[in-house]
Structures are given as structure tokens and as C-alpha cells.
Amino acid sequence: MHAPPCCGESCVLAITGVIPFGETIFLWQSIALTAVLIAVSVLIAWLSAPGAAQVQTVGGYVEKETVVLPPLMRFQRPSE
């Protein structure tokens, strides 16, 4: 489905005019919804974070022994 050729940007601008941000994005409903979404997101992140009893540090993941790997053989061609 295509719009008629006469309905470009100038056609829409002629019909609606310039709508200021104060009547669209910066309405109190938009700002309130943004504040609620941020608050709920922070609350979910706070509640889903592990507590002090469940926290694991990197020290628990590091192996005590170091494994020494043998050196790699020299490659004969660049594609190897």
C-alpha cells in the first residue's frame, strides 16, 4: 500500500502543523510513566541482586595450581 504522491512531508505538515514537544513528549503522563518505569526497573534490579550470603568473589573461581601449557608448534603457512 502506497501513499499518494501528493502526500509527502509538506502535505502532512500542512495538515497538522508543527506540534511542540510540550504537547507530546513532555506531557505529565509521559514524564510520570518514565519515572514509574525507572523506579520499577531499579526495584527489580535491587531485589534480584544476590544478598551478602550468596555473594561469590573471584577468589572462589581461581585455581590454586597453575597449569603450564606446552609451547605451540611453528606454523608453516599463514592459513594454519
N, C-alpha and C. Protein backbone atom coordinates (compact mmCIF):
# COMPACT_ATOMS: atom_id res chain seq x y z
N MET A 1 0.85 -1.16 0.00
CA MET A 1 0.00 0.00 0.00
C MET A 1 0.91 1.24 0.00
N HIS A 2 0.67 2.13 -0.89
CA HIS A 2 1.48 3.33 -1.03
C HIS A 2 0.61 4.57 -0.81
N ALA A 3 1.26 5.60 -0.29
CA ALA A 3 0.58 6.88 -0.15
C ALA A 3 0.56 7.59 -1.49
N PRO A 4 -0.43 8.41 -1.73
CA PRO A 4 -0.46 9.16 -3.00
C PRO A 4 0.76 10.09 -3.09
N PRO A 5 1.19 10.39 -4.30
CA PRO A 5 2.37 11.23 -4.47
C PRO A 5 2.25 12.61 -3.83
N CYS A 6 1.04 13.13 -3.69
CA CYS A 6 0.88 14.47 -3.12
C CYS A 6 1.11 14.48 -1.61
N CYS A 7 1.09 13.32 -0.96
CA CYS A 7 1.21 13.27 0.50
C CYS A 7 2.65 13.02 0.92
N GLY A 8 3.46 14.01 0.77
CA GLY A 8 4.83 13.94 1.26
C GLY A 8 4.91 14.65 2.59
N GLU A 9 6.10 15.10 2.96
CA GLU A 9 6.26 15.81 4.23
C GLU A 9 5.48 17.12 4.22
N SER A 10 5.47 17.79 3.10
CA SER A 10 4.78 19.09 3.05
C SER A 10 3.27 18.93 3.21
N CYS A 11 2.74 17.83 2.71
CA CYS A 11 1.30 17.60 2.83
C CYS A 11 0.92 17.36 4.30
N VAL A 12 1.69 16.54 4.99
CA VAL A 12 1.41 16.26 6.40
C VAL A 12 1.63 17.51 7.24
N LEU A 13 2.68 18.24 6.96
CA LEU A 13 2.96 19.47 7.70
C LEU A 13 1.84 20.49 7.50
N ALA A 14 1.29 20.53 6.31
CA ALA A 14 0.20 21.47 6.05
C ALA A 14 -1.06 21.09 6.83
N ILE A 15 -1.26 19.77 7.03
CA ILE A 15 -2.46 19.32 7.73
C ILE A 15 -2.31 19.49 9.25
N THR A 16 -1.18 19.04 9.79
CA THR A 16 -1.04 19.01 11.25
C THR A 16 -0.35 20.24 11.81
N GLY A 17 0.54 20.83 11.05
CA GLY A 17 1.35 21.92 11.57
C GLY A 17 2.47 21.36 12.43
N VAL A 18 3.22 22.21 13.07
CA VAL A 18 4.30 21.78 13.95
C VAL A 18 3.72 21.56 15.34
N ILE A 19 3.88 20.33 15.85
CA ILE A 19 3.37 20.01 17.17
C ILE A 19 4.53 20.17 18.15
N PRO A 20 4.42 21.07 19.12
CA PRO A 20 5.53 21.28 20.06
C PRO A 20 5.69 20.10 21.02
N PHE A 21 6.92 19.95 21.54
CA PHE A 21 7.21 18.87 22.48
C PHE A 21 6.37 18.98 23.74
N GLY A 22 6.02 20.17 24.14
CA GLY A 22 5.21 20.35 25.34
C GLY A 22 3.84 19.71 25.25
N GLU A 23 3.38 19.45 24.04
CA GLU A 23 2.07 18.82 23.84
C GLU A 23 2.19 17.35 23.46
N THR A 24 3.41 16.83 23.41
CA THR A 24 3.59 15.42 23.04
C THR A 24 4.47 14.69 24.04
N ILE A 25 5.76 14.85 23.92
CA ILE A 25 6.70 14.08 24.74
C ILE A 25 6.72 14.57 26.19
N PHE A 26 6.63 15.86 26.40
CA PHE A 26 6.76 16.41 27.73
C PHE A 26 5.43 16.60 28.46
N LEU A 27 4.44 15.79 28.14
CA LEU A 27 3.20 15.80 28.89
C LEU A 27 3.46 15.18 30.26
N TRP A 28 2.65 15.52 31.24
CA TRP A 28 2.88 14.98 32.58
C TRP A 28 2.72 13.47 32.60
N GLN A 29 1.86 12.93 31.71
CA GLN A 29 1.67 11.48 31.66
C GLN A 29 2.95 10.78 31.19
N SER A 30 3.63 11.36 30.20
CA SER A 30 4.87 10.76 29.69
C SER A 30 5.96 10.81 30.74
N ILE A 31 6.07 11.92 31.45
CA ILE A 31 7.09 12.05 32.49
C ILE A 31 6.78 11.12 33.66
N ALA A 32 5.50 10.98 34.03
CA ALA A 32 5.12 10.09 35.12
C ALA A 32 5.39 8.63 34.74
N LEU A 33 5.08 8.24 33.51
CA LEU A 33 5.33 6.88 33.06
C LEU A 33 6.83 6.59 33.05
N THR A 34 7.63 7.54 32.63
CA THR A 34 9.09 7.36 32.63
C THR A 34 9.60 7.18 34.05
N ALA A 35 9.11 7.97 34.98
CA ALA A 35 9.53 7.85 36.38
C ALA A 35 9.12 6.50 36.96
N VAL A 36 7.91 6.04 36.66
CA VAL A 36 7.45 4.74 37.15
C VAL A 36 8.30 3.61 36.56
N LEU A 37 8.60 3.66 35.28
CA LEU A 37 9.41 2.62 34.65
C LEU A 37 10.81 2.57 35.24
N ILE A 38 11.40 3.73 35.48
CA ILE A 38 12.74 3.76 36.09
C ILE A 38 12.68 3.20 37.51
N ALA A 39 11.68 3.58 38.28
CA ALA A 39 11.56 3.10 39.66
C ALA A 39 11.35 1.59 39.71
N VAL A 40 10.49 1.07 38.84
CA VAL A 40 10.24 -0.37 38.81
C VAL A 40 11.49 -1.12 38.37
N SER A 41 12.21 -0.59 37.39
CA SER A 41 13.44 -1.24 36.93
C SER A 41 14.49 -1.29 38.02
N VAL A 42 14.66 -0.20 38.75
CA VAL A 42 15.63 -0.17 39.85
C VAL A 42 15.20 -1.12 40.95
N LEU A 43 13.91 -1.18 41.26
CA LEU A 43 13.41 -2.09 42.29
C LEU A 43 13.66 -3.55 41.90
N ILE A 44 13.39 -3.90 40.66
CA ILE A 44 13.63 -5.28 40.20
C ILE A 44 15.11 -5.61 40.25
N ALA A 45 15.96 -4.69 39.83
CA ALA A 45 17.41 -4.93 39.89
C ALA A 45 17.87 -5.09 41.33
N TRP A 46 17.34 -4.27 42.24
CA TRP A 46 17.73 -4.33 43.65
C TRP A 46 17.29 -5.66 44.28
N LEU A 47 16.07 -6.08 43.98
CA LEU A 47 15.55 -7.30 44.59
C LEU A 47 16.17 -8.57 43.99
N SER A 48 16.62 -8.51 42.75
CA SER A 48 17.19 -9.70 42.11
C SER A 48 18.69 -9.84 42.35
N ALA A 49 19.33 -8.83 42.93
CA ALA A 49 20.76 -8.91 43.23
C ALA A 49 20.97 -9.87 44.40
N PRO A 50 22.07 -10.63 44.38
CA PRO A 50 22.29 -11.57 45.49
C PRO A 50 22.60 -10.84 46.78
N GLY A 51 22.18 -11.44 47.88
CA GLY A 51 22.45 -10.87 49.19
C GLY A 51 23.86 -11.20 49.63
N ALA A 52 24.22 -10.74 50.82
CA ALA A 52 25.58 -10.94 51.32
C ALA A 52 25.91 -12.42 51.48
N ALA A 53 24.92 -13.25 51.78
CA ALA A 53 25.17 -14.68 51.98
C ALA A 53 25.43 -15.40 50.65
N GLN A 54 24.90 -14.88 49.55
CA GLN A 54 25.05 -15.56 48.27
C GLN A 54 26.18 -14.99 47.40
N VAL A 55 26.82 -13.94 47.83
CA VAL A 55 27.85 -13.31 47.01
C VAL A 55 29.06 -14.22 46.89
N GLN A 56 29.59 -14.32 45.68
CA GLN A 56 30.80 -15.11 45.43
C GLN A 56 31.86 -14.18 44.87
N THR A 57 33.05 -14.27 45.41
CA THR A 57 34.13 -13.44 44.92
C THR A 57 34.93 -14.19 43.88
N VAL A 58 35.79 -13.49 43.19
CA VAL A 58 36.60 -14.12 42.16
C VAL A 58 37.60 -15.10 42.77
N GLY A 59 37.93 -14.95 44.04
CA GLY A 59 38.85 -15.86 44.70
C GLY A 59 38.35 -17.30 44.71
N GLY A 60 37.06 -17.48 44.70
CA GLY A 60 36.50 -18.83 44.67
C GLY A 60 36.60 -19.50 43.31
N TYR A 61 36.87 -18.74 42.27
CA TYR A 61 36.93 -19.28 40.92
C TYR A 61 38.36 -19.50 40.43
N VAL A 62 39.33 -18.91 41.08
CA VAL A 62 40.72 -19.02 40.64
C VAL A 62 41.29 -20.33 41.15
N GLU A 63 41.92 -21.06 40.24
CA GLU A 63 42.53 -22.33 40.64
C GLU A 63 43.80 -22.07 41.43
N LYS A 64 44.08 -22.94 42.37
CA LYS A 64 45.27 -22.80 43.19
C LYS A 64 46.54 -23.17 42.43
N GLU A 65 46.42 -24.14 41.54
CA GLU A 65 47.58 -24.59 40.78
C GLU A 65 47.55 -23.97 39.40
N THR A 66 48.73 -23.62 38.91
CA THR A 66 48.84 -23.06 37.57
C THR A 66 49.25 -24.16 36.62
N VAL A 67 48.52 -24.31 35.54
CA VAL A 67 48.83 -25.33 34.54
C VAL A 67 49.69 -24.68 33.47
N VAL A 68 50.85 -25.25 33.21
CA VAL A 68 51.74 -24.73 32.18
C VAL A 68 51.48 -25.51 30.90
N LEU A 69 51.10 -24.81 29.86
CA LEU A 69 50.82 -25.46 28.58
C LEU A 69 52.10 -25.58 27.77
N PRO A 70 52.22 -26.65 26.97
CA PRO A 70 53.40 -26.78 26.12
C PRO A 70 53.37 -25.70 25.05
N PRO A 71 54.54 -25.28 24.56
CA PRO A 71 54.55 -24.26 23.52
C PRO A 71 53.95 -24.78 22.22
N LEU A 72 53.34 -23.88 21.47
CA LEU A 72 52.73 -24.26 20.20
C LEU A 72 53.81 -24.49 19.15
N MET A 73 53.50 -25.40 18.21
CA MET A 73 54.47 -25.62 17.13
C MET A 73 54.44 -24.44 16.17
N ARG A 74 55.53 -24.26 15.47
CA ARG A 74 55.61 -23.16 14.50
C ARG A 74 54.75 -23.51 13.29
N PHE A 75 54.03 -22.54 12.82
CA PHE A 75 53.19 -22.76 11.65
C PHE A 75 54.02 -22.64 10.39
N GLN A 76 53.70 -23.48 9.42
CA GLN A 76 54.44 -23.46 8.15
C GLN A 76 53.83 -22.49 7.15
N ARG A 77 52.51 -22.38 7.16
CA ARG A 77 51.80 -21.49 6.24
C ARG A 77 50.90 -20.55 7.03
N PRO A 78 50.58 -19.39 6.47
CA PRO A 78 49.72 -18.44 7.18
C PRO A 78 48.32 -18.97 7.49
N SER A 79 47.84 -19.94 6.72
CA SER A 79 46.49 -20.44 6.92
C SER A 79 46.39 -21.47 8.04
N GLU A 80 47.49 -21.88 8.62
CA GLU A 80 47.44 -22.90 9.66
C GLU A 80 47.09 -22.29 10.99
